[in-house]
Amino acid sequence: MRKGELQGEAVRTVYLGGGTPSQLPVPLLQRLVGGLGEVFDLTAVCEFTVEANPDDVSPQWCAALPPLGVNRVSMGVQSLDNDVLRFMGRRHTAQQAMTAVATLRSAGITNLSIDLMYGVPGQTLASWGATVRKALTLNVPHVSAYGLTYEVNTRLWHAREQGEVTEVPEDECIAMYHQLVHLLQQAGYEHYELSNFAHAGYHSRHNSSYWDDTPYLGLGAAAHSYDGHLRRSNPHSLRRYVTALERGATVFDTEVVHDWERYDERVMLGLRTAHGVDAARLRRDLGDRRWHYLEQQAAPHVRDGLLKRVGDCYVLTARGELLADTVIRDLMSE
């Protein structure tokens, strides 16, 4: 029903996530991927990622992935400190996460990414450093690391509001981020996006497509799509989504992405990456007016040492990374 939105373009990456597909029994996973293969030509796919929880990773599950064309697994490790894992309500232990990496490798899946989280209540700079060093012993080619955020009306947010947990001070979170960057760069990882690190050749091609304005098609409840001009968002309600499909209809909200919005997204997403914002490409795609605005807004940050010009691109400096939100806000349209 949505195939036409690709306008005949080849599918180059597939990503099963935004949930926990490793919870699917293998026959259902095979049915899902088989269905995709019947509708889309997947012969040009160079990266096929499946998200997983460490406690779902079994030899049988891993063995089922390569025949489906899956060549990359992104695993939600979050921490290699059992106290932190218990606080976060995770079902797995640090040892289970490390064993899961070995199990995946035994099945021939070597393109692995792990997610880590810092700024968790009770976490210290020393315990965070221990988690990062332990993660480095796994020698996975890709690491993503995120600072804990308190989303309004979540259980964690309420616990903080009621004084049941104490938020890690901002200066300690910054120190944890510095420590992360230092340890991973020292170990040979390229810091290619604010939260992402990879060995050469192992950047997430799928996620990079979000950051460089590549069109994508999102299938499933709550999935988003973008074709360069329109953004489509599927309903979060699974019942509403399935009911529409059973009627033979698609259901999504559509938003026209105007040029100033495209400009803002280029700035916001581009500055998060090591490549930065390509001013020449922006001028070519969005015109002189927005290019002049970028040049004007960037100039004071270049003088202050928060941005640098690398060829046609504006890139955050190391000092600028710590003030990324401020710089991005200043460069965005009013």
C-alpha atoms as a PDB file:
ATOM      1  CA  MET A   1       0.000   0.000   0.000  1.00  0.00           C
ATOM      2  CA  ARG A   2       2.914   2.379   0.598  1.00  0.00           C
ATOM      3  CA  LYS A   3       5.329   1.072  -2.013  1.00  0.00           C
ATOM      4  CA  GLY A   4       4.583   3.893  -4.467  1.00  0.00           C
ATOM      5  CA  GLU A   5       6.039   6.461  -2.090  1.00  0.00           C
ATOM      6  CA  LEU A   6       9.518   5.179  -2.953  1.00  0.00           C
ATOM      7  CA  GLN A   7       8.948   6.406  -6.524  1.00  0.00           C
ATOM      8  CA  GLY A   8      10.986   3.526  -7.894  1.00  0.00           C
ATOM      9  CA  GLU A   9      14.105   4.331  -5.850  1.00  0.00           C
ATOM     10  CA  ALA A  10      16.196   1.379  -4.702  1.00  0.00           C
ATOM     11  CA  VAL A  11      16.047   0.368  -1.044  1.00  0.00           C
ATOM     12  CA  ARG A  12      19.572   0.608   0.336  1.00  0.00           C
ATOM     13  CA  THR A  13      19.061   0.155   4.077  1.00  0.00           C
ATOM     14  CA  VAL A  14      16.486  -1.613   6.230  1.00  0.00           C
ATOM     15  CA  TYR A  15      16.086  -1.052   9.973  1.00  0.00           C
ATOM     16  CA  LEU A  16      13.770  -3.086  12.200  1.00  0.00           C
ATOM     17  CA  GLY A  17      13.432  -1.178  15.428  1.00  0.00           C
ATOM     18  CA  GLY A  18      11.702   1.504  17.329  1.00  0.00           C
ATOM     19  CA  GLY A  19      10.485  -1.402  19.442  1.00  0.00           C
ATOM     20  CA  THR A  20      12.099  -4.703  20.285  1.00  0.00           C
ATOM     21  CA  PRO A  21      11.967  -6.986  17.246  1.00  0.00           C
ATOM     22  CA  SER A  22      14.114  -9.542  19.095  1.00  0.00           C
ATOM     23  CA  GLN A  23      10.917 -10.310  21.070  1.00  0.00           C
ATOM     24  CA  LEU A  24       9.359 -11.720  17.896  1.00  0.00           C
ATOM     25  CA  PRO A  25       9.429 -15.516  17.660  1.00  0.00           C
ATOM     26  CA  VAL A  26      11.654 -16.550  14.764  1.00  0.00           C
ATOM     27  CA  PRO A  27       8.735 -17.717  12.536  1.00  0.00           C
ATOM     28  CA  LEU A  28       7.096 -14.263  12.843  1.00  0.00           C
ATOM     29  CA  LEU A  29      10.390 -12.507  12.108  1.00  0.00           C
ATOM     30  CA  GLN A  30      10.805 -14.704   9.029  1.00  0.00           C
ATOM     31  CA  ARG A  31       7.234 -13.878   7.957  1.00  0.00           C
ATOM     32  CA  LEU A  32       7.833 -10.154   8.401  1.00  0.00           C
ATOM     33  CA  VAL A  33      11.105 -10.069   6.450  1.00  0.00           C
ATOM     34  CA  GLY A  34       9.704 -12.440   3.826  1.00  0.00           C
ATOM     35  CA  GLY A  35       6.780 -10.057   3.324  1.00  0.00           C
ATOM     36  CA  LEU A  36       9.144  -7.136   2.830  1.00  0.00           C
ATOM     37  CA  GLY A  37      11.066  -9.154   0.254  1.00  0.00           C
ATOM     38  CA  GLU A  38       7.881  -9.925  -1.683  1.00  0.00           C
ATOM     39  CA  VAL A  39       6.955  -6.234  -1.973  1.00  0.00           C
ATOM     40  CA  PHE A  40      10.333  -4.515  -2.282  1.00  0.00           C
ATOM     41  CA  ASP A  41      13.447  -5.305  -4.270  1.00  0.00           C
ATOM     42  CA  LEU A  42      16.011  -5.745  -1.498  1.00  0.00           C
ATOM     43  CA  THR A  43      18.910  -6.756  -3.740  1.00  0.00           C
ATOM     44  CA  ALA A  44      20.561  -3.337  -3.348  1.00  0.00           C
ATOM     45  CA  VAL A  45      20.382  -3.383   0.462  1.00  0.00           C
ATOM     46  CA  CYS A  46      23.855  -2.920   1.919  1.00  0.00           C
ATOM     47  CA  GLU A  47      22.837  -2.645   5.588  1.00  0.00           C
ATOM     48  CA  PHE A  48      20.006  -4.548   7.287  1.00  0.00           C
ATOM     49  CA  THR A  49      19.816  -3.818  11.012  1.00  0.00           C
ATOM     50  CA  VAL A  50      17.693  -5.465  13.682  1.00  0.00           C
ATOM     51  CA  GLU A  51      17.461  -4.071  17.213  1.00  0.00           C
ATOM     52  CA  ALA A  52      17.793  -6.531  20.091  1.00  0.00           C
ATOM     53  CA  ASN A  53      17.771  -6.823  23.853  1.00  0.00           C
ATOM     54  CA  PRO A  54      20.680  -8.859  25.259  1.00  0.00           C
ATOM     55  CA  ASP A  55      18.341 -11.257  27.081  1.00  0.00           C
ATOM     56  CA  ASP A  56      16.620 -12.164  23.797  1.00  0.00           C
ATOM     57  CA  VAL A  57      19.848 -13.149  22.042  1.00  0.00           C
ATOM     58  CA  SER A  58      20.019 -16.932  21.750  1.00  0.00           C
ATOM     59  CA  PRO A  59      22.031 -19.143  19.371  1.00  0.00           C
ATOM     60  CA  GLN A  60      18.783 -20.100  17.598  1.00  0.00           C
ATOM     61  CA  TRP A  61      17.729 -16.452  17.112  1.00  0.00           C
ATOM     62  CA  CYS A  62      21.191 -15.455  15.862  1.00  0.00           C
ATOM     63  CA  ALA A  63      21.315 -18.368  13.414  1.00  0.00           C
ATOM     64  CA  ALA A  64      18.021 -17.221  11.869  1.00  0.00           C
ATOM     65  CA  LEU A  65      19.309 -13.728  11.000  1.00  0.00           C
ATOM     66  CA  PRO A  66      21.882 -14.207   8.175  1.00  0.00           C
ATOM     67  CA  PRO A  67      19.476 -16.225   5.947  1.00  0.00           C
ATOM     68  CA  LEU A  68      17.056 -13.281   6.216  1.00  0.00           C
ATOM     69  CA  GLY A  69      19.715 -10.871   4.956  1.00  0.00           C
ATOM     70  CA  VAL A  70      20.274  -9.268   8.363  1.00  0.00           C
ATOM     71  CA  ASN A  71      23.911  -8.173   8.595  1.00  0.00           C
ATOM     72  CA  ARG A  72      23.859  -5.765  11.542  1.00  0.00           C
ATOM     73  CA  VAL A  73      22.474  -5.886  15.091  1.00  0.00           C
ATOM     74  CA  SER A  74      22.013  -2.894  17.383  1.00  0.00           C
ATOM     75  CA  MET A  75      21.791  -4.009  20.992  1.00  0.00           C
ATOM     76  CA  GLY A  76      20.365  -2.021  23.906  1.00  0.00           C
ATOM     77  CA  VAL A  77      23.030  -2.766  26.491  1.00  0.00           C
ATOM     78  CA  GLN A  78      22.557   0.588  28.347  1.00  0.00           C
ATOM     79  CA  SER A  79      25.167  -0.273  30.998  1.00  0.00           C
ATOM     80  CA  LEU A  80      27.682  -2.898  32.058  1.00  0.00           C
ATOM     81  CA  ASP A  81      27.110  -2.065  35.730  1.00  0.00           C
ATOM     82  CA  ASN A  82      24.517  -4.351  37.334  1.00  0.00           C
ATOM     83  CA  ASP A  83      23.435  -1.706  39.854  1.00  0.00           C
ATOM     84  CA  VAL A  84      22.635   0.714  37.024  1.00  0.00           C
ATOM     85  CA  LEU A  85      20.809  -1.998  35.067  1.00  0.00           C
ATOM     86  CA  ARG A  86      18.654  -2.820  38.092  1.00  0.00           C
ATOM     87  CA  PHE A  87      17.828   0.861  38.600  1.00  0.00           C
ATOM     88  CA  MET A  88      16.751   1.131  34.958  1.00  0.00           C
ATOM     89  CA  GLY A  89      14.565  -1.959  35.255  1.00  0.00           C
ATOM     90  CA  ARG A  90      16.475  -3.889  32.619  1.00  0.00           C
ATOM     91  CA  ARG A  91      16.023  -7.663  32.546  1.00  0.00           C
ATOM     92  CA  HIS A  92      19.592  -8.474  31.557  1.00  0.00           C
ATOM     93  CA  THR A  93      22.859  -8.444  33.501  1.00  0.00           C
ATOM     94  CA  ALA A  94      26.240  -7.119  32.383  1.00  0.00           C
ATOM     95  CA  GLN A  95      27.438 -10.681  31.809  1.00  0.00           C
ATOM     96  CA  GLN A  96      24.405 -11.507  29.673  1.00  0.00           C
ATOM     97  CA  ALA A  97      25.163  -8.494  27.478  1.00  0.00           C
ATOM     98  CA  MET A  98      28.758  -9.577  27.010  1.00  0.00           C
ATOM     99  CA  THR A  99      27.689 -13.151  26.286  1.00  0.00           C
ATOM    100  CA  ALA A 100      25.159 -11.880  23.717  1.00  0.00           C
ATOM    101  CA  VAL A 101      27.953 -10.158  21.776  1.00  0.00           C
ATOM    102  CA  ALA A 102      29.908 -13.420  21.668  1.00  0.00           C
ATOM    103  CA  THR A 103      26.804 -15.366  20.578  1.00  0.00           C
ATOM    104  CA  LEU A 104      26.143 -12.962  17.702  1.00  0.00           C
ATOM    105  CA  ARG A 105      29.751 -13.184  16.549  1.00  0.00           C
ATOM    106  CA  SER A 106      29.585 -16.986  16.622  1.00  0.00           C
ATOM    107  CA  ALA A 107      26.656 -16.763  14.211  1.00  0.00           C
ATOM    108  CA  GLY A 108      28.756 -14.631  11.829  1.00  0.00           C
ATOM    109  CA  ILE A 109      27.215 -11.249  12.695  1.00  0.00           C
ATOM    110  CA  THR A 110      30.222  -9.021  13.306  1.00  0.00           C
ATOM    111  CA  ASN A 111      28.678  -5.633  12.455  1.00  0.00           C
ATOM    112  CA  LEU A 112      27.462  -4.891  15.984  1.00  0.00           C
ATOM    113  CA  SER A 113      26.389  -1.720  17.738  1.00  0.00           C
ATOM    114  CA  ILE A 114      25.750  -1.293  21.446  1.00  0.00           C
ATOM    115  CA  ASP A 115      23.867   1.522  23.179  1.00  0.00           C
ATOM    116  CA  LEU A 116      25.117   2.941  26.489  1.00  0.00           C
ATOM    117  CA  MET A 117      23.573   5.525  28.797  1.00  0.00           C
ATOM    118  CA  TYR A 118      25.192   8.027  31.157  1.00  0.00           C
ATOM    119  CA  GLY A 119      23.846  10.483  33.705  1.00  0.00           C
ATOM    120  CA  VAL A 120      21.825   7.742  35.434  1.00  0.00           C
ATOM    121  CA  PRO A 121      21.032   8.480  39.120  1.00  0.00           C
ATOM    122  CA  GLY A 122      23.617   6.799  41.323  1.00  0.00           C
ATOM    123  CA  GLN A 123      26.141   6.633  38.480  1.00  0.00           C
ATOM    124  CA  THR A 124      29.527   8.238  39.145  1.00  0.00           C
ATOM    125  CA  LEU A 125      32.297   9.351  36.835  1.00  0.00           C
ATOM    126  CA  ALA A 126      34.326   6.329  38.016  1.00  0.00           C
ATOM    127  CA  SER A 127      31.527   3.793  37.488  1.00  0.00           C
ATOM    128  CA  TRP A 128      30.726   5.265  34.067  1.00  0.00           C
ATOM    129  CA  GLY A 129      34.382   5.050  33.097  1.00  0.00           C
ATOM    130  CA  ALA A 130      34.421   1.400  34.201  1.00  0.00           C
ATOM    131  CA  THR A 131      31.412   0.662  31.956  1.00  0.00           C
ATOM    132  CA  VAL A 132      33.053   2.332  28.947  1.00  0.00           C
ATOM    133  CA  ARG A 133      36.336   0.461  29.515  1.00  0.00           C
ATOM    134  CA  LYS A 134      34.459  -2.829  29.852  1.00  0.00           C
ATOM    135  CA  ALA A 135      32.559  -2.041  26.639  1.00  0.00           C
ATOM    136  CA  LEU A 136      35.872  -1.448  24.876  1.00  0.00           C
ATOM    137  CA  THR A 137      36.969  -5.013  25.713  1.00  0.00           C
ATOM    138  CA  LEU A 138      34.074  -6.215  23.520  1.00  0.00           C
ATOM    139  CA  ASN A 139      35.643  -4.433  20.523  1.00  0.00           C
ATOM    140  CA  VAL A 140      32.292  -3.898  18.802  1.00  0.00           C
ATOM    141  CA  PRO A 141      32.631  -1.666  15.728  1.00  0.00           C
ATOM    142  CA  HIS A 142      29.898   0.804  16.728  1.00  0.00           C
ATOM    143  CA  VAL A 143      28.931   2.462  20.024  1.00  0.00           C
ATOM    144  CA  SER A 144      26.047   4.875  20.678  1.00  0.00           C
ATOM    145  CA  ALA A 145      25.911   6.722  24.002  1.00  0.00           C
ATOM    146  CA  TYR A 146      23.133   8.952  25.270  1.00  0.00           C
ATOM    147  CA  GLY A 147      22.614  11.122  28.310  1.00  0.00           C
ATOM    148  CA  LEU A 148      19.565  10.128  30.352  1.00  0.00           C
ATOM    149  CA  THR A 149      16.596  12.416  29.775  1.00  0.00           C
ATOM    150  CA  TYR A 150      13.558  12.848  31.994  1.00  0.00           C
ATOM    151  CA  GLU A 151      10.519  12.706  29.714  1.00  0.00           C
ATOM    152  CA  VAL A 152       7.488  14.423  31.207  1.00  0.00           C
ATOM    153  CA  ASN A 153       4.990  12.104  32.930  1.00  0.00           C
ATOM    154  CA  THR A 154       7.220   9.030  32.774  1.00  0.00           C
ATOM    155  CA  ARG A 155       7.808   6.964  35.914  1.00  0.00           C
ATOM    156  CA  LEU A 156      11.356   8.332  36.179  1.00  0.00           C
ATOM    157  CA  TRP A 157      10.155  11.923  35.794  1.00  0.00           C
ATOM    158  CA  HIS A 158       7.617  11.481  38.595  1.00  0.00           C
ATOM    159  CA  ALA A 159      10.254   9.855  40.804  1.00  0.00           C
ATOM    160  CA  ARG A 160      12.544  12.865  40.344  1.00  0.00           C
ATOM    161  CA  GLU A 161       9.693  15.312  40.975  1.00  0.00           C
ATOM    162  CA  GLN A 162       8.818  13.500  44.215  1.00  0.00           C
ATOM    163  CA  GLY A 163      12.436  13.438  45.374  1.00  0.00           C
ATOM    164  CA  GLU A 164      12.756   9.665  45.098  1.00  0.00           C
ATOM    165  CA  VAL A 165      15.766   9.966  42.769  1.00  0.00           C
ATOM    166  CA  THR A 166      18.379  12.679  42.432  1.00  0.00           C
ATOM    167  CA  GLU A 167      19.363  13.862  38.981  1.00  0.00           C
ATOM    168  CA  VAL A 168      23.079  13.728  38.199  1.00  0.00           C
ATOM    169  CA  PRO A 169      24.395  17.328  38.155  1.00  0.00           C
ATOM    170  CA  GLU A 170      24.974  18.811  34.702  1.00  0.00           C
ATOM    171  CA  ASP A 171      28.708  19.325  35.245  1.00  0.00           C
ATOM    172  CA  GLU A 172      29.107  15.624  36.088  1.00  0.00           C
ATOM    173  CA  CYS A 173      27.169  14.638  32.960  1.00  0.00           C
ATOM    174  CA  ILE A 174      29.487  16.854  30.903  1.00  0.00           C
ATOM    175  CA  ALA A 175      32.499  15.192  32.548  1.00  0.00           C
ATOM    176  CA  MET A 176      31.044  11.777  31.674  1.00  0.00           C
ATOM    177  CA  TYR A 177      30.615  12.851  28.055  1.00  0.00           C
ATOM    178  CA  HIS A 178      34.227  14.116  27.923  1.00  0.00           C
ATOM    179  CA  GLN A 179      35.433  10.839  29.402  1.00  0.00           C
ATOM    180  CA  LEU A 180      33.414   8.859  26.857  1.00  0.00           C
ATOM    181  CA  VAL A 181      34.799  10.810  23.899  1.00  0.00           C
ATOM    182  CA  HIS A 182      38.378  10.580  25.192  1.00  0.00           C
ATOM    183  CA  LEU A 183      38.288   6.826  25.860  1.00  0.00           C
ATOM    184  CA  LEU A 184      36.612   5.909  22.568  1.00  0.00           C
ATOM    185  CA  GLN A 185      38.780   8.159  20.420  1.00  0.00           C
ATOM    186  CA  GLN A 186      41.859   6.812  22.208  1.00  0.00           C
ATOM    187  CA  ALA A 187      40.664   3.313  21.284  1.00  0.00           C
ATOM    188  CA  GLY A 188      40.424   4.246  17.584  1.00  0.00           C
ATOM    189  CA  TYR A 189      36.725   5.068  17.225  1.00  0.00           C
ATOM    190  CA  GLU A 190      35.702   7.964  15.004  1.00  0.00           C
ATOM    191  CA  HIS A 191      33.317  10.378  16.705  1.00  0.00           C
ATOM    192  CA  TYR A 192      31.114  10.835  13.630  1.00  0.00           C
ATOM    193  CA  GLU A 193      27.965  12.168  15.346  1.00  0.00           C
ATOM    194  CA  LEU A 194      27.480  13.675  18.801  1.00  0.00           C
ATOM    195  CA  SER A 195      26.188  10.399  20.250  1.00  0.00           C
ATOM    196  CA  ASN A 196      27.775   7.915  17.830  1.00  0.00           C
ATOM    197  CA  PHE A 197      31.222   6.377  17.475  1.00  0.00           C
ATOM    198  CA  ALA A 198      32.450   3.844  14.928  1.00  0.00           C
ATOM    199  CA  HIS A 199      35.471   2.050  13.567  1.00  0.00           C
ATOM    200  CA  ALA A 200      36.319   2.960   9.976  1.00  0.00           C
ATOM    201  CA  GLY A 201      33.671   1.669   7.594  1.00  0.00           C
ATOM    202  CA  TYR A 202      31.110   0.955  10.312  1.00  0.00           C
ATOM    203  CA  HIS A 203      29.071   4.161  10.451  1.00  0.00           C
ATOM    204  CA  SER A 204      25.345   3.452  10.670  1.00  0.00           C
ATOM    205  CA  ARG A 205      24.336   3.998   7.054  1.00  0.00           C
ATOM    206  CA  HIS A 206      20.651   3.975   7.915  1.00  0.00           C
ATOM    207  CA  ASN A 207      20.860   6.565  10.683  1.00  0.00           C
ATOM    208  CA  SER A 208      23.196   8.682   8.576  1.00  0.00           C
ATOM    209  CA  SER A 209      20.473   8.877   5.936  1.00  0.00           C
ATOM    210  CA  TYR A 210      18.232  10.666   8.463  1.00  0.00           C
ATOM    211  CA  TRP A 211      20.963  13.218   9.070  1.00  0.00           C
ATOM    212  CA  ASP A 212      21.734  13.978   5.411  1.00  0.00           C
ATOM    213  CA  ASP A 213      18.174  14.528   4.097  1.00  0.00           C
ATOM    214  CA  THR A 214      17.820  11.142   2.380  1.00  0.00           C
ATOM    215  CA  PRO A 215      14.165  10.073   1.888  1.00  0.00           C
ATOM    216  CA  TYR A 216      12.919   7.140   3.970  1.00  0.00           C
ATOM    217  CA  LEU A 217       9.744   5.080   4.325  1.00  0.00           C
ATOM    218  CA  GLY A 218       8.494   4.127   7.791  1.00  0.00           C
ATOM    219  CA  LEU A 219       6.110   1.193   8.176  1.00  0.00           C
ATOM    220  CA  GLY A 220       4.224   0.288  11.355  1.00  0.00           C
ATOM    221  CA  ALA A 221       2.433   2.120  14.141  1.00  0.00           C
ATOM    222  CA  ALA A 222       4.142   5.409  15.106  1.00  0.00           C
ATOM    223  CA  ALA A 223       6.565   5.187  12.153  1.00  0.00           C
ATOM    224  CA  HIS A 224       7.554   8.323  10.224  1.00  0.00           C
ATOM    225  CA  SER A 225       8.325   8.791   6.533  1.00  0.00           C
ATOM    226  CA  TYR A 226       9.959  11.594   4.550  1.00  0.00           C
ATOM    227  CA  ASP A 227      10.245  12.086   0.795  1.00  0.00           C
ATOM    228  CA  GLY A 228      12.126  15.399   0.728  1.00  0.00           C
ATOM    229  CA  HIS A 229       8.951  17.518   0.768  1.00  0.00           C
ATOM    230  CA  LEU A 230       6.312  15.685   2.784  1.00  0.00           C
ATOM    231  CA  ARG A 231       6.547  14.080   6.216  1.00  0.00           C
ATOM    232  CA  ARG A 232       4.064  11.347   7.055  1.00  0.00           C
ATOM    233  CA  SER A 233       3.479  10.079  10.595  1.00  0.00           C
ATOM    234  CA  ASN A 234       1.540   6.916  11.355  1.00  0.00           C
ATOM    235  CA  PRO A 235      -0.732   6.863  14.425  1.00  0.00           C
ATOM    236  CA  HIS A 236       0.741   5.693  17.727  1.00  0.00           C
ATOM    237  CA  SER A 237      -2.421   3.695  18.415  1.00  0.00           C
ATOM    238  CA  LEU A 238      -1.891   0.146  17.224  1.00  0.00           C
ATOM    239  CA  ARG A 239      -5.649  -0.426  17.214  1.00  0.00           C
ATOM    240  CA  ARG A 240      -6.266   2.584  14.942  1.00  0.00           C
ATOM    241  CA  TYR A 241      -3.394   1.556  12.659  1.00  0.00           C
ATOM    242  CA  VAL A 242      -4.531  -2.061  12.280  1.00  0.00           C
ATOM    243  CA  THR A 243      -8.223  -1.150  11.914  1.00  0.00           C
ATOM    244  CA  ALA A 244      -7.377   1.104   8.959  1.00  0.00           C
ATOM    245  CA  LEU A 245      -5.280  -1.594   7.282  1.00  0.00           C
ATOM    246  CA  GLU A 246      -8.083  -4.130   7.702  1.00  0.00           C
ATOM    247  CA  ARG A 247     -10.342  -1.711   5.774  1.00  0.00           C
ATOM    248  CA  GLY A 248      -7.740  -1.593   3.020  1.00  0.00           C
ATOM    249  CA  ALA A 249      -6.783   2.010   3.849  1.00  0.00           C
ATOM    250  CA  THR A 250      -3.603   3.717   4.885  1.00  0.00           C
ATOM    251  CA  VAL A 251      -3.719   6.079   7.819  1.00  0.00           C
ATOM    252  CA  PHE A 252      -1.179   8.799   8.523  1.00  0.00           C
ATOM    253  CA  ASP A 253      -0.925  12.519   9.146  1.00  0.00           C
ATOM    254  CA  THR A 254       0.823  14.526   6.442  1.00  0.00           C
ATOM    255  CA  GLU A 255       2.887  17.653   6.940  1.00  0.00           C
ATOM    256  CA  VAL A 256       4.408  19.740   4.160  1.00  0.00           C
ATOM    257  CA  VAL A 257       8.046  20.498   4.967  1.00  0.00           C
ATOM    258  CA  HIS A 258       8.632  24.070   3.797  1.00  0.00           C
ATOM    259  CA  ASP A 259      12.059  25.388   2.829  1.00  0.00           C
ATOM    260  CA  TRP A 260      12.727  27.166   6.135  1.00  0.00           C
ATOM    261  CA  GLU A 261      11.824  23.954   7.972  1.00  0.00           C
ATOM    262  CA  ARG A 262      14.191  22.029   5.701  1.00  0.00           C
ATOM    263  CA  TYR A 263      16.819  24.670   6.490  1.00  0.00           C
ATOM    264  CA  ASP A 264      16.292  24.177  10.235  1.00  0.00           C
ATOM    265  CA  GLU A 265      16.585  20.422   9.912  1.00  0.00           C
ATOM    266  CA  ARG A 266      19.768  20.684   7.842  1.00  0.00           C
ATOM    267  CA  VAL A 267      21.278  22.859  10.594  1.00  0.00           C
ATOM    268  CA  MET A 268      20.026  20.806  13.534  1.00  0.00           C
ATOM    269  CA  LEU A 269      20.986  17.417  12.122  1.00  0.00           C
ATOM    270  CA  GLY A 270      24.092  18.494  10.206  1.00  0.00           C
ATOM    271  CA  LEU A 271      25.771  20.131  13.179  1.00  0.00           C
ATOM    272  CA  ARG A 272      25.389  16.906  15.145  1.00  0.00           C
ATOM    273  CA  THR A 273      27.695  15.162  12.673  1.00  0.00           C
ATOM    274  CA  ALA A 274      31.434  15.329  12.095  1.00  0.00           C
ATOM    275  CA  HIS A 275      30.683  16.394   8.502  1.00  0.00           C
ATOM    276  CA  GLY A 276      28.729  19.445   9.650  1.00  0.00           C
ATOM    277  CA  VAL A 277      26.381  21.618   7.595  1.00  0.00           C
ATOM    278  CA  ASP A 278      27.293  21.743   3.922  1.00  0.00           C
ATOM    279  CA  ALA A 279      26.729  25.413   3.043  1.00  0.00           C
ATOM    280  CA  ALA A 280      27.226  24.882  -0.695  1.00  0.00           C
ATOM    281  CA  ARG A 281      24.675  22.063  -0.817  1.00  0.00           C
ATOM    282  CA  LEU A 282      22.269  24.113   1.285  1.00  0.00           C
ATOM    283  CA  ARG A 283      22.593  27.009  -1.168  1.00  0.00           C
ATOM    284  CA  ARG A 284      22.023  24.706  -4.130  1.00  0.00           C
ATOM    285  CA  ASP A 285      18.951  23.029  -2.592  1.00  0.00           C
ATOM    286  CA  LEU A 286      17.362  25.891  -0.652  1.00  0.00           C
ATOM    287  CA  GLY A 287      18.530  29.065  -2.365  1.00  0.00           C
ATOM    288  CA  ASP A 288      20.622  32.182  -1.665  1.00  0.00           C
ATOM    289  CA  ARG A 289      18.341  33.635   0.991  1.00  0.00           C
ATOM    290  CA  ARG A 290      18.768  30.737   3.396  1.00  0.00           C
ATOM    291  CA  TRP A 291      22.458  30.418   2.535  1.00  0.00           C
ATOM    292  CA  HIS A 292      23.050  34.094   3.386  1.00  0.00           C
ATOM    293  CA  TYR A 293      21.184  33.609   6.653  1.00  0.00           C
ATOM    294  CA  LEU A 294      23.414  30.641   7.557  1.00  0.00           C
ATOM    295  CA  GLU A 295      26.590  32.605   6.774  1.00  0.00           C
ATOM    296  CA  GLN A 296      25.386  35.556   8.845  1.00  0.00           C
ATOM    297  CA  GLN A 297      24.361  33.483  11.869  1.00  0.00           C
ATOM    298  CA  ALA A 298      27.475  31.291  11.793  1.00  0.00           C
ATOM    299  CA  ALA A 299      30.008  34.120  11.656  1.00  0.00           C
ATOM    300  CA  PRO A 300      30.015  35.073  15.388  1.00  0.00           C
ATOM    301  CA  HIS A 301      30.330  31.420  16.418  1.00  0.00           C
ATOM    302  CA  VAL A 302      33.312  30.989  14.096  1.00  0.00           C
ATOM    303  CA  ARG A 303      34.923  34.046  15.720  1.00  0.00           C
ATOM    304  CA  ASP A 304      34.205  32.629  19.181  1.00  0.00           C
ATOM    305  CA  GLY A 305      35.761  29.270  18.344  1.00  0.00           C
ATOM    306  CA  LEU A 306      32.547  27.229  18.578  1.00  0.00           C
ATOM    307  CA  LEU A 307      32.337  26.582  14.825  1.00  0.00           C
ATOM    308  CA  LYS A 308      35.018  26.050  12.217  1.00  0.00           C
ATOM    309  CA  ARG A 309      34.847  26.125   8.423  1.00  0.00           C
ATOM    310  CA  VAL A 310      36.088  22.947   6.742  1.00  0.00           C
ATOM    311  CA  GLY A 311      35.816  23.397   2.999  1.00  0.00           C
ATOM    312  CA  ASP A 312      32.165  24.259   2.342  1.00  0.00           C
ATOM    313  CA  CYS A 313      31.015  22.917   5.712  1.00  0.00           C
ATOM    314  CA  TYR A 314      30.435  24.419   9.152  1.00  0.00           C
ATOM    315  CA  VAL A 315      31.501  21.985  11.864  1.00  0.00           C
ATOM    316  CA  LEU A 316      31.306  22.236  15.650  1.00  0.00           C
ATOM    317  CA  THR A 317      34.663  22.490  17.408  1.00  0.00           C
ATOM    318  CA  ALA A 318      35.365  20.376  20.503  1.00  0.00           C
ATOM    319  CA  ARG A 319      34.321  23.341  22.654  1.00  0.00           C
ATOM    320  CA  GLY A 320      31.304  23.916  20.442  1.00  0.00           C
ATOM    321  CA  GLU A 321      30.077  20.353  21.012  1.00  0.00           C
ATOM    322  CA  LEU A 322      29.431  21.179  24.661  1.00  0.00           C
ATOM    323  CA  LEU A 323      27.312  24.149  23.586  1.00  0.00           C
ATOM    324  CA  ALA A 324      25.751  22.419  20.594  1.00  0.00           C
ATOM    325  CA  ASP A 325      22.167  23.226  21.564  1.00  0.00           C
ATOM    326  CA  THR A 326      22.971  26.940  21.867  1.00  0.00           C
ATOM    327  CA  VAL A 327      24.837  27.086  18.562  1.00  0.00           C
ATOM    328  CA  ILE A 328      22.133  25.131  16.735  1.00  0.00           C
ATOM    329  CA  ARG A 329      19.424  27.390  18.157  1.00  0.00           C
ATOM    330  CA  ASP A 330      21.296  30.503  17.019  1.00  0.00           C
ATOM    331  CA  LEU A 331      21.665  29.189  13.468  1.00  0.00           C
ATOM    332  CA  MET A 332      18.040  28.128  13.104  1.00  0.00           C
ATOM    333  CA  SER A 333      15.459  30.425  11.554  1.00  0.00           C
ATOM    334  CA  GLU A 334      13.432  32.723  13.796  1.00  0.00           C
END
